[in-house]
Amino acid sequence: MQLCDVFLGLGEENFQGLLRTVSIGKLRTYQLFDRLKMRAHLGKLNSETLRRAAPRLWARMGEGNEEFATDIAQAVLVSHLDMIQEVLNFLGVPHDDGFFPKDADVTQYLTEGWQQRAWEQFHEKYPRSALLFYINHLDWEVCKAERLFAPAP
């Protein structure tokens, strides 16, 4: 499964929800603003232009461009570092302000059922699309998941 598949599997409604939660300030802080502006082919990048571009960006996601998917994912993830830190703390995953070294093996902390436990703990606190994306992104990145997590009702 590719990162594009994570976005596509979560659906267009969640994708639009994710774009609505992107923090332009955080993009600037983490020096992702210009990269996202260029990658998204936007002459001007702000919350409104990003929201209006959602259908076009969704169509581009369907093209399977992993670099584009990575840039969108980074924009979403840095916009939700508080949520990421809380989820990792809850799961007992060691991290440095929401980040862990690329070579770190944190699979031992992601025990069976961790996705549902994280969902149950935080689904009322954070936007549905952001939490669902993060759980699936973490599962894809760390556990090399081949299927998307869908929360039990």
Protein backbone atom coordinates (compact mmCIF):
# COMPACT_ATOMS: atom_id res chain seq x y z
CA MET A 1 0.00 0.00 0.00
CA GLN A 2 1.24 3.48 -0.89
CA LEU A 3 0.59 6.75 0.93
CA CYS A 4 -1.77 7.79 -1.89
CA ASP A 5 -3.78 4.66 -1.07
CA VAL A 6 -4.18 5.84 2.52
CA PHE A 7 -5.68 9.14 1.36
CA LEU A 8 -7.82 7.49 -1.31
CA GLY A 9 -9.01 4.79 1.07
CA LEU A 10 -10.20 7.36 3.58
CA GLY A 11 -12.28 9.05 0.88
CA GLU A 12 -12.76 12.48 -0.57
CA GLU A 13 -14.82 13.81 2.35
CA ASN A 14 -12.02 13.02 4.82
CA PHE A 15 -9.45 14.46 2.41
CA GLN A 16 -11.37 17.74 2.28
CA GLY A 17 -11.66 17.66 6.06
CA LEU A 18 -7.90 17.25 6.35
CA LEU A 19 -7.22 20.20 4.07
CA ARG A 20 -9.55 22.36 6.18
CA THR A 21 -7.40 21.62 9.25
CA VAL A 22 -4.03 22.55 7.72
CA SER A 23 -2.39 25.36 9.67
CA ILE A 24 -0.68 27.90 7.41
CA GLY A 25 1.32 29.11 10.41
CA LYS A 26 2.63 25.61 11.11
CA LEU A 27 3.57 25.23 7.43
CA ARG A 28 5.67 28.37 7.74
CA THR A 29 7.21 27.24 11.05
CA TYR A 30 8.27 23.90 9.61
CA GLN A 31 9.32 25.46 6.29
CA LEU A 32 6.74 23.53 4.29
CA PHE A 33 4.76 26.54 3.03
CA ASP A 34 6.60 27.15 -0.25
CA ARG A 35 6.97 23.45 -1.00
CA LEU A 36 3.22 22.82 -0.57
CA LYS A 37 2.33 25.94 -2.53
CA MET A 38 4.51 24.76 -5.42
CA ARG A 39 3.45 21.09 -5.24
CA ALA A 40 -0.24 22.03 -5.07
CA HIS A 41 0.18 24.41 -8.04
CA LEU A 42 -1.32 27.30 -6.11
CA GLY A 43 -0.42 30.91 -6.94
CA LYS A 44 -1.46 31.90 -3.44
CA LEU A 45 -1.60 29.58 -0.44
CA ASN A 46 -4.03 30.27 2.36
CA SER A 47 -6.84 28.35 4.03
CA GLU A 48 -9.39 29.50 1.46
CA THR A 49 -7.36 28.64 -1.65
CA LEU A 50 -6.44 25.26 -0.16
CA ARG A 51 -10.10 24.52 0.57
CA ARG A 52 -11.19 25.60 -2.92
CA ALA A 53 -8.43 23.51 -4.53
CA ALA A 54 -9.54 20.35 -2.68
CA PRO A 55 -11.40 18.74 -5.63
CA ARG A 56 -8.42 19.32 -7.95
CA LEU A 57 -5.97 18.07 -5.32
CA TRP A 58 -8.14 15.00 -4.76
CA ALA A 59 -8.03 14.23 -8.47
CA ARG A 60 -4.24 14.56 -8.39
CA MET A 61 -4.06 12.18 -5.44
CA GLY A 62 -5.73 9.61 -7.65
CA GLU A 63 -2.80 9.84 -10.07
CA GLY A 64 -0.63 8.04 -7.51
CA ASN A 65 2.08 10.70 -7.13
CA GLU A 66 3.79 9.70 -3.88
CA GLU A 67 5.80 12.93 -3.58
CA PHE A 68 2.57 14.91 -3.75
CA ALA A 69 0.96 12.61 -1.17
CA THR A 70 3.99 13.02 1.11
CA ASP A 71 3.78 16.82 0.95
CA ILE A 72 0.07 16.80 1.76
CA ALA A 73 0.68 14.32 4.60
CA GLN A 74 3.44 16.48 6.07
CA ALA A 75 1.19 19.54 5.96
CA VAL A 76 -1.56 17.65 7.77
CA LEU A 77 0.75 16.05 10.32
CA VAL A 78 2.60 19.23 11.37
CA SER A 79 -0.79 20.89 11.75
CA HIS A 80 -1.74 18.27 14.36
CA LEU A 81 1.43 17.78 16.39
CA ASP A 82 -0.49 18.20 19.66
CA MET A 83 -2.75 15.28 18.71
CA ILE A 84 0.22 13.21 17.54
CA GLN A 85 2.06 13.75 20.83
CA GLU A 86 -1.01 12.75 22.83
CA VAL A 87 -1.60 9.62 20.76
CA LEU A 88 2.05 8.54 21.01
CA ASN A 89 2.08 9.23 24.77
CA PHE A 90 -1.13 7.22 25.18
CA LEU A 91 0.39 4.31 23.27
CA GLY A 92 3.66 4.57 25.21
CA VAL A 93 5.71 5.23 22.06
CA PRO A 94 8.92 7.16 22.83
CA HIS A 95 9.19 10.32 20.74
CA ASP A 96 10.65 13.81 20.64
CA ASP A 97 7.76 16.27 20.38
CA GLY A 98 5.83 13.92 18.11
CA PHE A 99 8.78 12.82 16.01
CA PHE A 100 10.81 9.66 16.28
CA PRO A 101 14.03 8.78 14.48
CA LYS A 102 13.40 7.20 11.08
CA ASP A 103 15.43 4.14 12.02
CA ALA A 104 13.65 3.66 15.35
CA ASP A 105 11.68 0.44 15.67
CA VAL A 106 8.54 1.39 17.54
CA THR A 107 6.48 -1.59 16.40
CA GLN A 108 6.83 -3.15 19.86
CA TYR A 109 4.67 -0.35 21.27
CA LEU A 110 1.92 -0.82 18.71
CA THR A 111 0.37 -3.92 20.16
CA GLU A 112 -2.69 -5.63 18.73
CA GLY A 113 -5.74 -3.39 18.76
CA TRP A 114 -3.77 -0.17 19.25
CA GLN A 115 -5.66 1.57 16.45
CA GLN A 116 -9.08 1.02 18.04
CA ARG A 117 -7.76 1.98 21.51
CA ALA A 118 -6.34 5.24 20.14
CA TRP A 119 -9.56 5.93 18.26
CA GLU A 120 -11.71 5.36 21.35
CA GLN A 121 -9.46 7.55 23.48
CA PHE A 122 -9.30 10.56 21.14
CA HIS A 123 -12.18 10.51 18.64
CA GLU A 124 -14.22 13.00 20.65
CA LYS A 125 -11.29 15.36 21.19
CA TYR A 126 -9.82 15.74 17.71
CA PRO A 127 -11.28 16.14 14.20
CA ARG A 128 -12.37 12.76 12.85
CA SER A 129 -10.48 13.12 9.59
CA ALA A 130 -7.21 14.10 11.30
CA LEU A 131 -7.28 11.29 13.87
CA LEU A 132 -8.29 8.69 11.30
CA PHE A 133 -5.54 9.84 8.97
CA TYR A 134 -2.90 9.81 11.70
CA ILE A 135 -3.80 6.33 12.92
CA ASN A 136 -3.65 5.00 9.37
CA HIS A 137 -0.48 6.94 8.55
CA LEU A 138 1.27 5.58 11.64
CA ASP A 139 0.10 2.07 10.82
CA TRP A 140 1.27 2.45 7.20
CA GLU A 141 4.62 4.00 8.10
CA VAL A 142 5.59 1.84 11.10
CA CYS A 143 3.72 -1.42 10.67
CA LYS A 144 3.68 -1.42 6.86
CA ALA A 145 -0.08 -1.98 6.97
CA GLU A 146 -1.73 -3.31 3.85
CA ARG A 147 -5.27 -2.48 4.97
CA LEU A 148 -6.80 0.69 6.31
CA PHE A 149 -8.12 0.91 9.82
CA ALA A 150 -11.82 1.68 10.09
CA PRO A 151 -13.09 2.27 13.62
CA ALA A 152 -15.61 -0.15 15.07
CA PRO A 153 -18.97 1.48 15.74
